[in-house]
N, C-alpha and C. Protein backbone atom coordinates (compact mmCIF):
# COMPACT_ATOMS: atom_id res chain seq x y z
N MET A 1 113.05 9.82 127.61
CA MET A 1 114.68 9.28 127.09
C MET A 1 115.11 8.82 128.75
N SER A 2 116.02 7.68 128.54
CA SER A 2 116.97 7.15 129.36
C SER A 2 118.01 7.62 129.91
N ASP A 3 118.95 7.42 130.73
CA ASP A 3 119.93 7.87 131.43
C ASP A 3 120.84 7.31 130.09
N GLY A 4 122.32 8.22 130.11
CA GLY A 4 122.80 8.12 128.84
C GLY A 4 122.43 8.06 127.44
N GLU A 5 120.84 8.62 127.13
CA GLU A 5 120.70 8.55 125.36
C GLU A 5 120.81 10.02 125.01
N PHE A 6 121.01 10.41 124.17
CA PHE A 6 121.22 11.51 123.62
C PHE A 6 120.62 11.81 122.46
N GLN A 7 119.57 13.09 122.76
CA GLN A 7 118.75 13.17 121.68
C GLN A 7 118.98 14.40 120.69
N ILE A 8 118.94 14.44 119.38
CA ILE A 8 119.50 15.68 118.44
C ILE A 8 118.46 16.59 118.52
N PRO A 9 118.56 17.74 119.06
CA PRO A 9 117.38 18.90 118.82
C PRO A 9 116.74 18.91 117.49
N GLN A 10 115.54 19.22 117.17
CA GLN A 10 114.89 19.16 115.79
C GLN A 10 115.57 20.00 114.79
N ASN A 11 115.89 21.52 115.22
CA ASN A 11 116.62 21.90 114.59
C ASN A 11 117.49 21.83 113.77
N VAL A 12 118.92 21.42 114.83
CA VAL A 12 120.19 20.74 114.55
C VAL A 12 119.37 19.60 113.43
N HIS A 13 118.63 18.42 113.43
CA HIS A 13 118.12 17.65 113.06
C HIS A 13 118.00 17.94 111.48
N ASP A 14 117.21 19.08 111.65
CA ASP A 14 116.74 19.22 110.53
C ASP A 14 117.81 20.20 109.42
N GLN A 15 118.75 21.21 109.84
CA GLN A 15 120.09 21.57 109.46
C GLN A 15 121.09 20.41 108.60
N ILE A 16 120.93 19.55 109.74
CA ILE A 16 121.87 18.41 109.05
C ILE A 16 121.22 17.93 107.49
N ARG A 17 119.87 17.20 107.90
CA ARG A 17 119.32 17.04 106.38
C ARG A 17 119.29 18.07 105.17
N GLU A 18 119.27 19.20 105.98
CA GLU A 18 119.13 20.37 104.59
C GLU A 18 120.41 20.16 104.03
N ASP A 19 121.67 20.45 104.86
CA ASP A 19 122.95 20.23 104.66
C ASP A 19 123.46 18.55 103.49
N ILE A 20 122.55 17.65 103.85
CA ILE A 20 122.90 16.33 103.10
C ILE A 20 122.57 16.81 101.66
N LEU A 21 121.04 17.16 101.83
CA LEU A 21 120.49 17.61 100.72
C LEU A 21 121.40 18.40 99.38
N TRP A 22 121.91 19.56 100.26
CA TRP A 22 122.42 20.68 99.73
C TRP A 22 123.47 19.87 99.15
N ASP A 23 124.64 19.30 99.60
CA ASP A 23 125.69 18.24 99.27
C ASP A 23 125.32 17.47 98.02
N ARG A 24 124.08 16.87 97.92
CA ARG A 24 123.66 16.30 97.02
C ARG A 24 123.30 17.13 95.73
N ILE A 25 122.78 17.74 95.88
CA ILE A 25 122.41 18.94 94.98
C ILE A 25 123.81 19.63 94.14
N GLN A 26 124.54 20.23 95.25
CA GLN A 26 125.86 20.71 94.55
C GLN A 26 126.77 19.60 93.60
N ILE A 27 126.54 18.26 93.79
CA ILE A 27 127.16 17.26 93.30
C ILE A 27 126.36 17.27 91.88
N GLN A 28 125.17 17.49 91.91
CA GLN A 28 124.32 17.61 90.38
C GLN A 28 124.96 19.12 89.78
N GLU A 29 125.24 20.13 90.34
CA GLU A 29 125.58 21.46 89.81
C GLU A 29 125.87 20.94 88.37
N PRO A 30 126.87 20.41 88.00
CA PRO A 30 127.90 20.37 86.42
C PRO A 30 126.72 20.02 85.28
N LYS A 31 125.45 19.29 86.26
CA LYS A 31 124.08 18.83 85.19
C LYS A 31 123.17 19.49 85.37
N LYS A 32 123.08 20.93 86.11
CA LYS A 32 121.86 21.41 85.81
C LYS A 32 120.78 21.58 84.67
N LYS A 33 121.59 21.51 83.23
CA LYS A 33 120.86 21.27 82.48
C LYS A 33 119.72 20.14 82.46
N ASN A 34 120.30 18.64 83.03
CA ASN A 34 119.49 17.61 83.33
C ASN A 34 118.43 17.88 84.49
N MET A 35 118.57 18.71 85.45
CA MET A 35 117.71 18.87 86.63
C MET A 35 116.40 18.52 86.72
N THR A 36 115.26 18.04 87.27
CA THR A 36 114.46 18.28 87.03
C THR A 36 113.42 19.60 87.65
N GLY A 37 112.40 19.68 87.47
CA GLY A 37 111.99 21.22 87.79
C GLY A 37 112.24 21.16 89.28
N ILE A 38 111.44 20.00 90.13
CA ILE A 38 111.57 19.96 91.76
C ILE A 38 112.94 20.05 92.02
N GLU A 39 113.97 19.56 91.30
CA GLU A 39 115.25 19.56 91.80
C GLU A 39 115.94 21.26 91.54
N LEU A 40 115.43 21.57 90.62
CA LEU A 40 115.82 23.40 90.64
C LEU A 40 115.09 24.04 91.61
N ILE A 41 114.06 23.77 91.84
CA ILE A 41 113.30 24.87 92.95
C ILE A 41 114.34 24.31 94.24
N THR A 42 114.30 23.12 94.49
CA THR A 42 114.91 22.86 95.82
C THR A 42 115.91 23.24 95.99
N GLN A 43 116.97 23.58 94.91
CA GLN A 43 118.70 24.29 94.99
C GLN A 43 118.07 25.35 95.28
N GLU A 44 117.24 26.25 94.37
CA GLU A 44 117.03 27.51 94.88
C GLU A 44 116.58 28.03 96.38
N ARG A 45 115.46 27.04 96.88
CA ARG A 45 115.25 27.29 98.15
C ARG A 45 116.46 27.25 99.12
N LEU A 46 117.54 26.11 98.69
CA LEU A 46 118.57 26.16 99.94
C LEU A 46 119.00 27.18 99.48
N GLU A 47 119.58 27.92 98.47
CA GLU A 47 121.10 28.83 98.17
C GLU A 47 119.75 29.84 98.68
N GLN A 48 118.44 30.15 98.63
CA GLN A 48 117.91 31.23 99.72
C GLN A 48 118.53 31.23 101.19
N LYS A 49 118.49 30.17 101.74
CA LYS A 49 118.52 29.84 103.16
C LYS A 49 119.80 29.83 103.19
N THR A 50 120.87 29.23 102.28
CA THR A 50 122.06 29.37 102.98
C THR A 50 123.05 30.20 102.17
N VAL A 51 122.91 30.95 101.11
CA VAL A 51 123.71 31.98 100.81
C VAL A 51 122.76 33.40 101.00
N HIS A 52 121.77 33.74 100.86
CA HIS A 52 120.63 34.84 101.44
C HIS A 52 120.44 35.04 102.84
N ASN A 53 120.82 33.62 103.60
CA ASN A 53 120.32 33.56 104.98
C ASN A 53 118.98 33.93 105.37
N HIS A 54 117.79 33.19 104.34
CA HIS A 54 116.72 33.33 104.58
C HIS A 54 115.94 32.45 105.58
N SER A 55 116.12 32.38 106.80
CA SER A 55 115.76 31.13 107.62
C SER A 55 114.25 31.33 107.75
N LEU A 56 114.05 29.98 108.02
CA LEU A 56 112.22 29.92 108.23
C LEU A 56 111.84 30.70 109.51
N LYS A 57 112.70 30.91 110.16
CA LYS A 57 112.25 32.08 111.66
C LYS A 57 112.03 33.35 110.82
N ASN A 58 112.93 33.70 110.13
CA ASN A 58 112.85 35.41 109.63
C ASN A 58 111.90 35.30 108.69
N ASP A 59 111.30 34.42 107.89
CA ASP A 59 110.09 34.18 107.08
C ASP A 59 108.92 34.26 107.92
N TYR A 60 108.89 33.87 108.68
CA TYR A 60 107.78 33.72 109.48
C TYR A 60 107.42 34.87 109.96
N GLU A 61 108.88 35.92 110.49
CA GLU A 61 108.40 37.00 111.34
C GLU A 61 108.42 38.26 110.53
N LEU A 62 108.70 38.20 109.14
CA LEU A 62 109.02 39.44 108.36
C LEU A 62 107.82 39.32 107.01
N ASN A 63 107.43 38.02 106.67
CA ASN A 63 106.33 38.10 105.84
C ASN A 63 104.86 37.34 106.30
N LYS A 64 104.09 38.07 106.91
CA LYS A 64 103.20 37.67 107.64
C LYS A 64 102.14 38.06 106.66
N LYS A 65 102.16 38.90 105.72
CA LYS A 65 101.11 39.31 104.61
C LYS A 65 101.12 38.72 103.60
N GLY A 66 101.62 37.38 103.28
CA GLY A 66 101.61 37.04 102.15
C GLY A 66 102.68 37.29 101.29
N GLU A 67 103.72 37.94 101.51
CA GLU A 67 104.82 38.67 100.75
C GLU A 67 105.74 37.76 100.12
N LEU A 68 105.91 36.60 100.66
CA LEU A 68 106.78 36.10 99.50
C LEU A 68 105.89 35.10 98.22
N ALA A 69 104.40 34.83 98.61
CA ALA A 69 103.42 34.28 97.50
C ALA A 69 103.20 35.45 96.62
N ASN A 70 103.18 36.78 97.43
CA ASN A 70 103.08 37.78 96.23
C ASN A 70 104.87 38.27 95.26
N ALA A 71 105.53 38.28 95.92
CA ALA A 71 106.69 38.01 95.35
C ALA A 71 106.91 37.13 94.17
N ALA A 72 106.28 35.77 94.51
CA ALA A 72 106.37 34.71 93.64
C ALA A 72 105.21 34.98 92.38
N GLN A 73 104.25 35.32 92.36
CA GLN A 73 103.38 36.25 91.68
C GLN A 73 104.18 37.51 90.56
N ALA A 74 104.79 37.96 91.33
CA ALA A 74 105.51 39.51 90.45
C ALA A 74 106.55 38.55 89.59
N LEU A 75 107.27 37.64 90.00
CA LEU A 75 108.04 36.72 89.31
C LEU A 75 107.36 35.91 87.81
N LEU A 76 106.17 35.58 88.10
CA LEU A 76 105.73 34.52 87.42
C LEU A 76 105.30 35.56 86.43
N GLU A 77 104.79 36.95 86.57
CA GLU A 77 104.11 37.81 85.73
C GLU A 77 105.01 39.13 85.03
N GLY A 78 106.30 38.41 85.51
CA GLY A 78 107.38 39.86 85.57
C GLY A 78 106.76 41.58 85.70
N ASP A 79 105.83 41.73 86.78
CA ASP A 79 105.42 42.75 87.37
C ASP A 79 105.97 43.16 88.42
N VAL A 80 106.69 44.44 88.85
CA VAL A 80 107.23 45.03 89.96
C VAL A 80 106.27 45.09 90.77
N THR A 81 104.90 45.55 90.32
CA THR A 81 103.71 46.02 91.74
C THR A 81 103.37 44.83 92.22
N TRP A 82 103.56 43.40 92.08
CA TRP A 82 103.21 42.42 92.95
C TRP A 82 104.48 42.40 94.17
N MET A 83 105.42 42.70 93.89
CA MET A 83 106.63 42.70 94.79
C MET A 83 106.60 43.39 96.09
N PRO A 84 106.73 42.41 97.20
CA PRO A 84 106.22 43.29 98.59
C PRO A 84 107.07 44.66 98.81
N GLU A 85 106.53 45.40 99.43
CA GLU A 85 107.61 47.03 99.73
C GLU A 85 108.27 46.28 100.87
N GLY A 86 109.55 47.08 101.04
CA GLY A 86 110.52 47.06 102.03
C GLY A 86 111.35 45.40 101.29
N TRP A 87 111.23 45.14 100.33
CA TRP A 87 112.45 44.15 99.52
C TRP A 87 113.70 45.23 98.81
N ASP A 88 114.80 44.80 99.20
CA ASP A 88 115.92 45.01 98.50
C ASP A 88 115.69 45.72 97.12
N PRO A 89 115.70 46.71 96.48
CA PRO A 89 115.15 47.08 95.31
C PRO A 89 116.26 46.57 94.28
N LYS A 90 117.48 46.24 94.49
CA LYS A 90 118.64 45.76 93.60
C LYS A 90 118.43 44.71 93.74
N ALA A 91 117.99 43.55 94.55
CA ALA A 91 117.79 42.29 94.54
C ALA A 91 116.47 42.04 93.45
N VAL A 92 115.32 42.79 94.11
CA VAL A 92 114.20 42.65 93.20
C VAL A 92 114.29 42.67 91.75
N LYS A 93 114.93 43.66 91.50
CA LYS A 93 115.27 44.13 89.95
C LYS A 93 116.15 42.83 89.15
N LYS A 94 117.09 42.89 89.70
CA LYS A 94 117.83 41.52 89.68
C LYS A 94 116.82 40.40 89.53
N MET A 95 116.12 39.95 90.60
CA MET A 95 114.88 38.84 90.14
C MET A 95 114.09 38.79 88.77
N LEU A 96 113.83 40.20 88.61
CA LEU A 96 112.81 40.35 87.65
C LEU A 96 113.28 40.58 86.24
N SER A 97 114.74 40.77 86.25
CA SER A 97 115.47 41.05 84.87
C SER A 97 116.00 39.20 84.48
N LYS A 98 115.57 38.36 85.11
CA LYS A 98 116.38 37.16 84.98
C LYS A 98 115.33 36.33 83.80
N PRO A 99 115.55 35.53 82.96
CA PRO A 99 114.57 34.72 82.01
C PRO A 99 114.09 34.18 82.90
N TYR A 100 112.49 33.92 82.23
CA TYR A 100 111.69 33.56 82.31
C TYR A 100 111.40 31.94 83.25
N LYS A 101 112.56 31.25 82.71
CA LYS A 101 112.45 29.79 83.23
C LYS A 101 113.33 30.08 84.80
N ASP A 102 114.41 30.81 84.81
CA ASP A 102 115.12 31.31 86.13
C ASP A 102 113.79 31.75 87.26
N ARG A 103 112.80 32.84 86.42
CA ARG A 103 112.02 33.42 87.73
C ARG A 103 111.03 32.30 88.18
N LEU A 104 110.59 31.05 87.19
CA LEU A 104 109.97 30.10 87.41
C LEU A 104 110.13 29.65 88.94
N ILE A 105 112.03 29.29 88.71
CA ILE A 105 112.32 28.42 89.70
C ILE A 105 112.74 29.33 90.98
N ILE A 106 112.91 30.35 90.93
CA ILE A 106 112.77 31.36 91.74
C ILE A 106 111.23 31.77 92.49
N ALA A 107 110.38 31.37 91.82
CA ALA A 107 108.88 31.79 91.98
C ALA A 107 108.43 30.58 92.98
N GLY A 108 108.77 29.35 92.46
CA GLY A 108 108.59 27.94 92.61
C GLY A 108 109.16 27.80 94.73
N ALA A 109 110.45 28.10 94.53
CA ALA A 109 111.16 28.74 95.80
C ALA A 109 110.60 29.41 96.66
N LEU A 110 110.17 30.40 96.20
CA LEU A 110 108.99 31.25 97.14
C LEU A 110 107.80 30.86 97.84
N ILE A 111 107.51 30.10 96.79
CA ILE A 111 106.36 29.36 97.28
C ILE A 111 106.56 28.24 98.09
N ALA A 112 107.45 27.48 98.16
CA ALA A 112 107.65 26.62 99.15
C ALA A 112 108.13 27.13 100.53
N ALA A 113 108.65 28.41 100.28
CA ALA A 113 109.19 28.88 101.76
C ALA A 113 107.40 29.42 102.38
N GLU A 114 106.94 30.00 101.39
CA GLU A 114 105.64 30.54 101.76
C GLU A 114 104.66 29.26 102.82
N ILE A 115 104.79 28.40 102.25
CA ILE A 115 104.22 27.16 102.75
C ILE A 115 104.79 26.74 103.74
N ASP A 116 105.99 26.59 103.86
CA ASP A 116 106.71 26.44 105.29
C ASP A 116 106.64 27.31 106.40
N ARG A 117 106.46 28.84 105.91
CA ARG A 117 105.99 30.00 106.87
C ARG A 117 104.58 29.35 107.71
N LEU A 118 103.70 29.24 106.77
CA LEU A 118 102.32 28.96 106.82
C LEU A 118 102.43 27.27 107.80
N ASN A 119 102.99 26.69 107.69
CA ASN A 119 103.24 25.46 108.77
C ASN A 119 104.21 25.49 109.86
N TYR A 120 105.04 26.76 110.19
CA TYR A 120 105.75 26.89 111.06
C TYR A 120 105.03 26.90 112.40
N LYS A 121 105.57 26.53 113.25
CA LYS A 121 105.06 26.74 114.78
C LYS A 121 106.38 27.15 115.77
N PRO A 122 106.20 28.76 115.74
CA PRO A 122 107.48 29.28 116.63
C PRO A 122 107.46 28.30 118.29
């Protein structure tokens, strides 16, 4: 990099991209019934990050034993025994009580989070 050039740090760049994507999805909110599966999963993943504050760093540090994948399996099967220990019981109950389609969306977002966690290099 030469004098006078400014480079945006990668984490800031990623957050800007995420914010732009989140804005695009929010615009589609009234059309939720017409959203594709990947759009619904992306929206859920962004909600996990922005509303519930689940960052990639936290996922990496707190879910090293496959907890995200296990939670996805619990949602797919509707079986609490797959839910990771230490997860908020109220949140678990809320997720498991959702309709099947909503559980699929959350499970897809959790699988995406697990893939991101596996790819993460601290």
